[in-house]
Amino acid sequence: MRLKIVGLRDPAVLPKERIVLEAVQHGDIGSYAVFCTRLLSSGEVSSMVERTFWFPDQKVEAGDLVVLYTKQGPQHVRQNEDKTTTRFFYWNLDAPLWNGKVVPVVANLRDWETVSEPSA
């Protein structure tokens, strides 16, 4: 499964600010996260992550859209006329994030590990 960034829409305008992603293949979006980080003067992005939105497990098909709004709102799904689906998610924040210096990074977190018990 792979997601591609379609665009960052209406940055710095909280009621409309959103990231639009498209599923290139069918799969589960629960292995994807959006990181909020800073754009460096070199054009690279900082490894210092300010916020993270990890998508919940949900199946998507190729051509489906995934929209992540910065504002508060209820997660929902819309069926499109072209038989694709758009899934809407909300970061539930009270202020916009994206301003040209703060940028989103979308990452596939398919392989990860955690510690179930602290070691002595």
N, C-alpha and C. Protein backbone atom coordinates (compact mmCIF):
# COMPACT_ATOMS: atom_id res chain seq x y z
N MET A 1 0.86 -1.17 0.00
CA MET A 1 0.00 0.00 0.00
C MET A 1 0.89 1.22 0.00
N ARG A 2 0.47 2.23 -0.70
CA ARG A 2 1.22 3.47 -0.78
C ARG A 2 0.27 4.65 -0.85
N LEU A 3 0.59 5.71 -0.11
CA LEU A 3 -0.15 6.97 -0.17
C LEU A 3 0.73 8.01 -0.83
N LYS A 4 0.12 8.87 -1.62
CA LYS A 4 0.87 10.00 -2.18
C LYS A 4 0.19 11.29 -1.75
N ILE A 5 1.00 12.32 -1.55
CA ILE A 5 0.47 13.62 -1.17
C ILE A 5 -0.08 14.31 -2.42
N VAL A 6 -1.36 14.63 -2.39
CA VAL A 6 -1.99 15.37 -3.48
C VAL A 6 -1.76 16.85 -3.28
N GLY A 7 -1.84 17.29 -2.01
CA GLY A 7 -1.58 18.70 -1.75
C GLY A 7 -1.89 19.11 -0.33
N LEU A 8 -1.39 20.26 0.00
CA LEU A 8 -1.69 20.93 1.25
C LEU A 8 -2.62 22.08 0.87
N ARG A 9 -3.84 22.04 1.35
CA ARG A 9 -4.86 23.01 0.95
C ARG A 9 -5.12 24.04 2.04
N ASP A 10 -5.24 25.29 1.65
CA ASP A 10 -5.60 26.41 2.54
C ASP A 10 -4.74 26.46 3.81
N PRO A 11 -3.40 26.43 3.66
CA PRO A 11 -2.55 26.51 4.85
C PRO A 11 -2.76 27.82 5.60
N ALA A 12 -2.68 27.74 6.93
CA ALA A 12 -2.82 28.86 7.85
C ALA A 12 -4.26 29.37 7.97
N VAL A 13 -5.24 28.65 7.40
CA VAL A 13 -6.66 29.01 7.51
C VAL A 13 -7.34 27.85 8.23
N LEU A 14 -7.43 27.93 9.56
CA LEU A 14 -7.89 26.80 10.36
C LEU A 14 -9.16 26.12 9.86
N PRO A 15 -10.23 26.83 9.52
CA PRO A 15 -11.45 26.12 9.11
C PRO A 15 -11.28 25.25 7.84
N LYS A 16 -10.26 25.57 7.02
CA LYS A 16 -10.10 24.86 5.75
C LYS A 16 -8.79 24.09 5.64
N GLU A 17 -7.83 24.35 6.50
CA GLU A 17 -6.49 23.76 6.38
C GLU A 17 -6.56 22.23 6.43
N ARG A 18 -5.95 21.60 5.39
CA ARG A 18 -6.01 20.15 5.31
C ARG A 18 -4.90 19.62 4.40
N ILE A 19 -4.57 18.36 4.62
CA ILE A 19 -3.64 17.63 3.76
C ILE A 19 -4.49 16.62 3.02
N VAL A 20 -4.31 16.54 1.71
CA VAL A 20 -5.06 15.59 0.89
C VAL A 20 -4.08 14.54 0.38
N LEU A 21 -4.41 13.28 0.64
CA LEU A 21 -3.59 12.15 0.22
C LEU A 21 -4.42 11.24 -0.67
N GLU A 22 -3.75 10.52 -1.55
CA GLU A 22 -4.45 9.55 -2.41
C GLU A 22 -3.80 8.18 -2.25
N ALA A 23 -4.63 7.16 -2.13
CA ALA A 23 -4.13 5.79 -2.08
C ALA A 23 -3.76 5.36 -3.49
N VAL A 24 -2.51 4.97 -3.66
CA VAL A 24 -2.03 4.51 -4.97
C VAL A 24 -2.34 3.03 -5.15
N GLN A 25 -2.39 2.31 -4.03
CA GLN A 25 -2.72 0.88 -4.03
C GLN A 25 -3.71 0.63 -2.91
N HIS A 26 -4.39 -0.52 -2.96
CA HIS A 26 -5.28 -0.86 -1.84
C HIS A 26 -4.42 -1.27 -0.64
N GLY A 27 -4.97 -1.10 0.54
CA GLY A 27 -4.26 -1.47 1.75
C GLY A 27 -4.88 -0.82 2.97
N ASP A 28 -4.09 -0.71 4.03
CA ASP A 28 -4.56 -0.18 5.31
C ASP A 28 -3.79 1.11 5.62
N ILE A 29 -4.52 2.20 5.86
CA ILE A 29 -3.85 3.47 6.15
C ILE A 29 -3.32 3.53 7.57
N GLY A 30 -3.61 2.52 8.38
CA GLY A 30 -3.14 2.49 9.76
C GLY A 30 -1.63 2.37 9.88
N SER A 31 -0.95 2.14 8.79
CA SER A 31 0.52 2.09 8.84
C SER A 31 1.13 3.44 8.45
N TYR A 32 0.31 4.47 8.31
CA TYR A 32 0.80 5.80 7.92
C TYR A 32 0.60 6.83 9.02
N ALA A 33 1.54 7.77 9.08
CA ALA A 33 1.45 8.88 10.02
C ALA A 33 1.89 10.16 9.32
N VAL A 34 1.38 11.28 9.81
CA VAL A 34 1.79 12.60 9.33
C VAL A 34 2.57 13.25 10.47
N PHE A 35 3.77 13.68 10.17
CA PHE A 35 4.62 14.37 11.14
C PHE A 35 4.62 15.86 10.83
N CYS A 36 4.56 16.66 11.87
CA CYS A 36 4.65 18.11 11.75
C CYS A 36 6.08 18.48 12.13
N THR A 37 6.82 19.05 11.17
CA THR A 37 8.21 19.39 11.42
C THR A 37 8.56 20.71 10.73
N ARG A 38 9.77 21.16 10.88
CA ARG A 38 10.19 22.45 10.31
C ARG A 38 10.99 22.25 9.03
N LEU A 39 10.80 23.18 8.12
CA LEU A 39 11.58 23.21 6.88
C LEU A 39 12.86 23.99 7.16
N LEU A 40 14.00 23.36 6.85
CA LEU A 40 15.29 24.01 7.09
C LEU A 40 15.68 24.88 5.90
N SER A 41 16.60 25.79 6.12
CA SER A 41 17.03 26.69 5.05
C SER A 41 17.67 25.93 3.89
N SER A 42 18.16 24.72 4.14
CA SER A 42 18.77 23.90 3.10
C SER A 42 17.73 23.24 2.20
N GLY A 43 16.44 23.36 2.58
CA GLY A 43 15.38 22.70 1.82
C GLY A 43 15.05 21.33 2.37
N GLU A 44 15.84 20.85 3.31
CA GLU A 44 15.57 19.58 3.99
C GLU A 44 14.56 19.82 5.10
N VAL A 45 14.06 18.73 5.70
CA VAL A 45 13.18 18.86 6.85
C VAL A 45 13.92 18.44 8.10
N SER A 46 13.57 19.04 9.20
CA SER A 46 14.18 18.73 10.49
C SER A 46 13.72 17.36 10.96
N SER A 47 14.56 16.68 11.70
CA SER A 47 14.18 15.40 12.30
C SER A 47 13.48 15.61 13.64
N MET A 48 13.35 16.85 14.05
CA MET A 48 12.64 17.19 15.29
C MET A 48 11.14 17.28 14.97
N VAL A 49 10.38 16.32 15.44
CA VAL A 49 8.95 16.25 15.15
C VAL A 49 8.19 16.98 16.25
N GLU A 50 7.31 17.90 15.84
CA GLU A 50 6.53 18.69 16.80
C GLU A 50 5.20 18.03 17.15
N ARG A 51 4.58 17.40 16.19
CA ARG A 51 3.29 16.71 16.39
C ARG A 51 3.23 15.53 15.43
N THR A 52 2.40 14.56 15.79
CA THR A 52 2.21 13.39 14.94
C THR A 52 0.73 13.02 14.90
N PHE A 53 0.24 12.68 13.71
CA PHE A 53 -1.10 12.10 13.57
C PHE A 53 -0.92 10.74 12.93
N TRP A 54 -1.23 9.69 13.68
CA TRP A 54 -1.14 8.31 13.18
C TRP A 54 -2.56 7.89 12.80
N PHE A 55 -2.76 7.56 11.53
CA PHE A 55 -4.08 7.18 11.06
C PHE A 55 -4.54 5.89 11.71
N PRO A 56 -5.83 5.79 12.01
CA PRO A 56 -6.37 4.53 12.54
C PRO A 56 -6.43 3.48 11.43
N ASP A 57 -6.46 2.23 11.82
CA ASP A 57 -6.56 1.15 10.85
C ASP A 57 -7.86 1.26 10.07
N GLN A 58 -7.74 1.42 8.75
CA GLN A 58 -8.89 1.44 7.86
C GLN A 58 -8.42 1.02 6.47
N LYS A 59 -9.21 0.20 5.84
CA LYS A 59 -8.88 -0.25 4.49
C LYS A 59 -9.23 0.85 3.49
N VAL A 60 -8.37 1.01 2.49
CA VAL A 60 -8.62 1.93 1.39
C VAL A 60 -8.31 1.20 0.08
N GLU A 61 -8.92 1.68 -0.98
CA GLU A 61 -8.69 1.14 -2.32
C GLU A 61 -7.92 2.15 -3.14
N ALA A 62 -7.26 1.69 -4.17
CA ALA A 62 -6.53 2.59 -5.08
C ALA A 62 -7.50 3.66 -5.59
N GLY A 63 -7.06 4.90 -5.54
CA GLY A 63 -7.89 6.02 -5.99
C GLY A 63 -8.66 6.71 -4.88
N ASP A 64 -8.78 6.07 -3.72
CA ASP A 64 -9.46 6.69 -2.58
C ASP A 64 -8.65 7.88 -2.07
N LEU A 65 -9.35 8.86 -1.50
CA LEU A 65 -8.69 10.01 -0.91
C LEU A 65 -8.75 9.93 0.61
N VAL A 66 -7.71 10.44 1.23
CA VAL A 66 -7.62 10.55 2.69
C VAL A 66 -7.35 12.02 2.98
N VAL A 67 -8.24 12.65 3.72
CA VAL A 67 -8.14 14.08 4.01
C VAL A 67 -7.96 14.26 5.52
N LEU A 68 -6.88 14.94 5.89
CA LEU A 68 -6.62 15.22 7.30
C LEU A 68 -6.74 16.72 7.54
N TYR A 69 -7.80 17.12 8.25
CA TYR A 69 -8.00 18.51 8.64
C TYR A 69 -7.26 18.79 9.94
N THR A 70 -6.78 20.01 10.09
CA THR A 70 -6.13 20.43 11.34
C THR A 70 -7.19 20.68 12.41
N LYS A 71 -8.34 21.21 12.05
CA LYS A 71 -9.38 21.62 12.98
C LYS A 71 -10.03 20.43 13.69
N GLN A 72 -10.96 20.75 14.56
CA GLN A 72 -11.73 19.73 15.25
C GLN A 72 -12.87 19.27 14.37
N GLY A 73 -13.23 18.01 14.52
CA GLY A 73 -14.35 17.48 13.75
C GLY A 73 -14.48 15.99 13.90
N PRO A 74 -15.60 15.44 13.43
CA PRO A 74 -15.84 14.01 13.54
C PRO A 74 -15.30 13.25 12.32
N GLN A 75 -14.64 12.16 12.56
CA GLN A 75 -14.17 11.31 11.46
C GLN A 75 -15.39 10.81 10.68
N HIS A 76 -15.31 10.86 9.35
CA HIS A 76 -16.41 10.33 8.54
C HIS A 76 -15.93 9.93 7.16
N VAL A 77 -16.84 9.30 6.41
CA VAL A 77 -16.53 8.76 5.08
C VAL A 77 -17.58 9.25 4.10
N ARG A 78 -17.13 9.57 2.87
CA ARG A 78 -18.06 9.98 1.81
C ARG A 78 -17.81 9.12 0.57
N GLN A 79 -18.86 8.63 -0.02
CA GLN A 79 -18.76 7.90 -1.29
C GLN A 79 -18.81 8.93 -2.42
N ASN A 80 -17.86 8.85 -3.33
CA ASN A 80 -17.79 9.79 -4.45
C ASN A 80 -18.51 9.25 -5.67
N GLU A 81 -18.88 10.15 -6.57
CA GLU A 81 -19.60 9.75 -7.78
C GLU A 81 -18.81 8.77 -8.64
N ASP A 82 -17.47 8.85 -8.59
CA ASP A 82 -16.63 7.97 -9.41
C ASP A 82 -16.37 6.61 -8.74
N LYS A 83 -17.14 6.29 -7.70
CA LYS A 83 -17.07 5.02 -6.98
C LYS A 83 -15.88 4.93 -6.02
N THR A 84 -15.09 6.01 -5.87
CA THR A 84 -14.03 6.03 -4.86
C THR A 84 -14.62 6.53 -3.55
N THR A 85 -13.82 6.48 -2.52
CA THR A 85 -14.23 6.91 -1.19
C THR A 85 -13.27 8.00 -0.70
N THR A 86 -13.80 8.97 0.01
CA THR A 86 -12.97 9.96 0.69
C THR A 86 -13.17 9.76 2.18
N ARG A 87 -12.06 9.60 2.90
CA ARG A 87 -12.08 9.43 4.35
C ARG A 87 -11.56 10.71 4.99
N PHE A 88 -12.34 11.26 5.91
CA PHE A 88 -12.00 12.52 6.56
C PHE A 88 -11.56 12.26 8.00
N PHE A 89 -10.40 12.83 8.34
CA PHE A 89 -9.85 12.73 9.69
C PHE A 89 -9.57 14.13 10.20
N TYR A 90 -9.53 14.27 11.52
CA TYR A 90 -9.35 15.58 12.15
C TYR A 90 -8.29 15.49 13.24
N TRP A 91 -7.33 16.43 13.20
CA TRP A 91 -6.27 16.49 14.18
C TRP A 91 -6.78 17.06 15.50
N ASN A 92 -7.93 17.74 15.44
CA ASN A 92 -8.60 18.33 16.61
C ASN A 92 -7.76 19.39 17.31
N LEU A 93 -7.12 20.23 16.52
CA LEU A 93 -6.32 21.33 17.06
C LEU A 93 -7.09 22.64 16.98
N ASP A 94 -6.67 23.61 17.78
CA ASP A 94 -7.34 24.91 17.84
C ASP A 94 -6.63 26.00 17.06
N ALA A 95 -5.53 25.67 16.41
CA ALA A 95 -4.77 26.66 15.63
C ALA A 95 -4.20 25.97 14.40
N PRO A 96 -4.03 26.71 13.30
CA PRO A 96 -3.45 26.11 12.09
C PRO A 96 -2.00 25.69 12.33
N LEU A 97 -1.54 24.74 11.54
CA LEU A 97 -0.18 24.22 11.66
C LEU A 97 0.76 24.70 10.56
N TRP A 98 0.27 24.68 9.35
CA TRP A 98 1.16 24.80 8.18
C TRP A 98 1.31 26.25 7.75
N ASN A 99 2.55 26.76 7.81
CA ASN A 99 2.78 28.17 7.52
C ASN A 99 3.97 28.39 6.59
N GLY A 100 4.46 27.36 5.93
CA GLY A 100 5.61 27.51 5.05
C GLY A 100 6.91 27.16 5.74
N LYS A 101 6.98 27.41 7.04
CA LYS A 101 8.15 27.02 7.82
C LYS A 101 7.91 25.70 8.53
N VAL A 102 6.65 25.43 8.84
CA VAL A 102 6.25 24.16 9.44
C VAL A 102 5.55 23.38 8.33
N VAL A 103 6.04 22.16 8.07
CA VAL A 103 5.55 21.38 6.93
C VAL A 103 5.19 19.96 7.36
N PRO A 104 4.30 19.32 6.59
CA PRO A 104 3.96 17.93 6.88
C PRO A 104 4.92 16.96 6.19
N VAL A 105 5.18 15.85 6.86
CA VAL A 105 5.92 14.74 6.29
C VAL A 105 5.04 13.51 6.48
N VAL A 106 4.77 12.78 5.42
CA VAL A 106 3.96 11.56 5.49
C VAL A 106 4.91 10.37 5.45
N ALA A 107 4.75 9.46 6.42
CA ALA A 107 5.66 8.32 6.51
C ALA A 107 4.89 7.02 6.68
N ASN A 108 5.43 5.97 6.09
CA ASN A 108 4.90 4.63 6.26
C ASN A 108 5.60 4.00 7.45
N LEU A 109 4.83 3.59 8.46
CA LEU A 109 5.38 3.03 9.69
C LEU A 109 5.11 1.52 9.77
N ARG A 110 5.23 0.86 8.65
CA ARG A 110 4.90 -0.55 8.58
C ARG A 110 5.69 -1.39 9.59
N ASP A 111 6.96 -1.08 9.75
CA ASP A 111 7.81 -1.84 10.67
C ASP A 111 8.14 -0.98 11.88
N TRP A 112 7.61 -1.34 13.03
CA TRP A 112 7.91 -0.62 14.25
C TRP A 112 7.90 -1.61 15.41
N GLU A 113 8.42 -1.16 16.51
CA GLU A 113 8.55 -2.02 17.67
C GLU A 113 8.37 -1.18 18.93
N THR A 114 7.88 -1.79 19.99
CA THR A 114 7.74 -1.11 21.26
C THR A 114 8.23 -2.03 22.39
N VAL A 115 8.41 -1.47 23.53
CA VAL A 115 8.81 -2.24 24.70
C VAL A 115 7.56 -2.52 25.52
N SER A 116 7.28 -3.78 25.79
CA SER A 116 6.09 -4.11 26.58
C SER A 116 6.36 -3.99 28.07
N GLU A 117 7.60 -4.26 28.49
CA GLU A 117 7.97 -4.10 29.89
C GLU A 117 9.35 -3.47 29.96
N PRO A 118 9.53 -2.50 30.85
CA PRO A 118 10.86 -1.91 30.98
C PRO A 118 11.87 -2.96 31.45
N SER A 119 13.08 -2.90 30.91
CA SER A 119 14.12 -3.82 31.36
C SER A 119 14.80 -3.27 32.60
N ALA A 120 15.30 -4.17 33.39
CA ALA A 120 15.95 -3.76 34.65
C ALA A 120 17.37 -3.28 34.39
